[in-house]
Amino acid sequence: MTTLDPLLLTVTGGLILAGLIMVGAGVRAYHQTGQRVMIYLAIGFGLVVTATLVSAGSVLLMEVQNVRTLLLVNNSFSLFGYSFVVYSVYSYK
C-alpha cells in the first residue's frame, strides 16, 4: 500500500457515494413523476459509478500493468454514463 492509497480510497468513496445518491434521486424522481427520462438519469450515474469502481478496484487490487486499457474502459463507461445523463436532461419536459 502506497502513501496515496488512503487518499485514493477516500476520493473514490466520495465519488461513489455522490453517484449512488444521484442514482437514488433518479429512481425516486421516476417513482414520483412517472417520467421515463429519470430512469435514464439513474442508469447514467450508475455507469459512472461502475467506471469508478472498476478503475479504482483495478488499480488497488490488481496492480494494473496496462494503464491505457484501464483508461479506455473507464472513459468508455463514463462516456456512456454521461450520454444517458445528457439525454435525460435534454429530454425532460
Protein backbone atom coordinates (compact mmCIF):
# COMPACT_ATOMS: atom_id res chain seq x y z
CA MET A 1 0.00 0.00 0.00
CA THR A 2 1.47 3.33 -1.05
CA THR A 3 1.04 6.65 0.70
CA LEU A 4 -1.53 7.73 -1.91
CA ASP A 5 -3.79 4.71 -1.45
CA PRO A 6 -5.74 6.11 1.54
CA LEU A 7 -6.32 9.33 -0.39
CA LEU A 8 -7.42 7.36 -3.45
CA LEU A 9 -9.82 5.31 -1.33
CA THR A 10 -11.27 8.44 0.26
CA VAL A 11 -11.81 10.27 -3.03
CA THR A 12 -13.17 7.13 -4.72
CA GLY A 13 -15.56 6.53 -1.83
CA GLY A 14 -16.80 10.10 -2.06
CA LEU A 15 -17.34 9.81 -5.81
CA ILE A 16 -19.18 6.51 -5.40
CA LEU A 17 -21.37 7.93 -2.63
CA ALA A 18 -22.25 11.02 -4.68
CA GLY A 19 -23.03 8.87 -7.72
CA LEU A 20 -25.23 6.50 -5.75
CA ILE A 21 -27.11 9.45 -4.28
CA MET A 22 -27.78 10.63 -7.84
CA VAL A 23 -28.91 7.13 -8.84
CA GLY A 24 -31.32 7.11 -5.90
CA ALA A 25 -32.56 10.60 -6.77
CA GLY A 26 -33.24 9.49 -10.34
CA VAL A 27 -35.17 6.41 -9.23
CA ARG A 28 -37.14 8.42 -6.68
CA ALA A 29 -37.95 11.08 -9.29
CA TYR A 30 -39.16 8.35 -11.63
CA HIS A 31 -41.48 6.96 -8.96
CA GLN A 32 -42.82 10.43 -8.17
CA THR A 33 -43.27 11.71 -11.72
CA GLY A 34 -43.50 8.58 -13.85
CA GLN A 35 -41.25 10.19 -16.45
CA ARG A 36 -39.04 7.65 -18.18
CA VAL A 37 -36.11 10.07 -18.56
CA MET A 38 -35.47 9.84 -14.83
CA ILE A 39 -34.57 6.17 -15.28
CA TYR A 40 -32.04 7.23 -17.93
CA LEU A 41 -30.57 9.63 -15.39
CA ALA A 42 -30.23 6.82 -12.85
CA ILE A 43 -28.68 4.48 -15.45
CA GLY A 44 -26.21 7.17 -16.47
CA PHE A 45 -24.98 7.80 -12.97
CA GLY A 46 -24.91 4.07 -12.34
CA LEU A 47 -22.49 3.67 -15.25
CA VAL A 48 -20.30 6.48 -13.90
CA VAL A 49 -20.21 4.74 -10.51
CA THR A 50 -19.32 1.49 -12.28
CA ALA A 51 -16.44 3.20 -14.08
CA THR A 52 -15.14 4.48 -10.77
CA LEU A 53 -15.40 1.07 -9.10
CA VAL A 54 -13.72 -0.75 -11.98
CA SER A 55 -10.83 1.67 -12.33
CA ALA A 56 -10.13 2.09 -8.61
CA GLY A 57 -10.55 -1.62 -7.96
CA SER A 58 -8.18 -2.45 -10.79
CA VAL A 59 -5.55 -0.06 -9.52
CA LEU A 60 -5.78 -1.09 -5.87
CA LEU A 61 -6.42 -4.82 -6.11
CA MET A 62 -4.75 -5.98 -9.29
CA GLU A 63 -1.82 -3.61 -9.75
CA VAL A 64 -2.78 -2.85 -13.36
CA GLN A 65 0.08 -3.09 -15.81
CA ASN A 66 -1.63 -1.62 -18.86
CA VAL A 67 -2.81 1.83 -17.81
CA ARG A 68 -4.08 2.73 -21.28
CA THR A 69 -6.51 -0.18 -21.26
CA LEU A 70 -7.75 0.87 -17.84
CA LEU A 71 -8.29 4.43 -19.05
CA LEU A 72 -10.11 3.17 -22.14
CA VAL A 73 -12.52 1.10 -20.02
CA ASN A 74 -13.01 3.94 -17.52
CA ASN A 75 -13.60 6.56 -20.20
CA SER A 76 -15.95 4.26 -22.14
CA PHE A 77 -18.17 3.63 -19.12
CA SER A 78 -18.07 7.34 -18.24
CA LEU A 79 -18.92 8.37 -21.83
CA PHE A 80 -21.94 6.07 -21.97
CA GLY A 81 -22.99 7.12 -18.47
CA TYR A 82 -22.80 10.83 -19.18
CA SER A 83 -24.54 10.27 -22.52
CA PHE A 84 -27.53 8.90 -20.59
CA VAL A 85 -27.37 11.85 -18.19
CA VAL A 86 -27.26 14.40 -21.04
CA TYR A 87 -30.13 12.63 -22.80
CA SER A 88 -32.25 12.69 -19.67
CA VAL A 89 -31.56 16.39 -19.03
CA TYR A 90 -32.35 17.47 -22.58
CA SER A 91 -35.38 15.19 -22.93
CA TYR A 92 -37.02 16.33 -19.69
CA LYS A 93 -40.32 18.11 -20.32
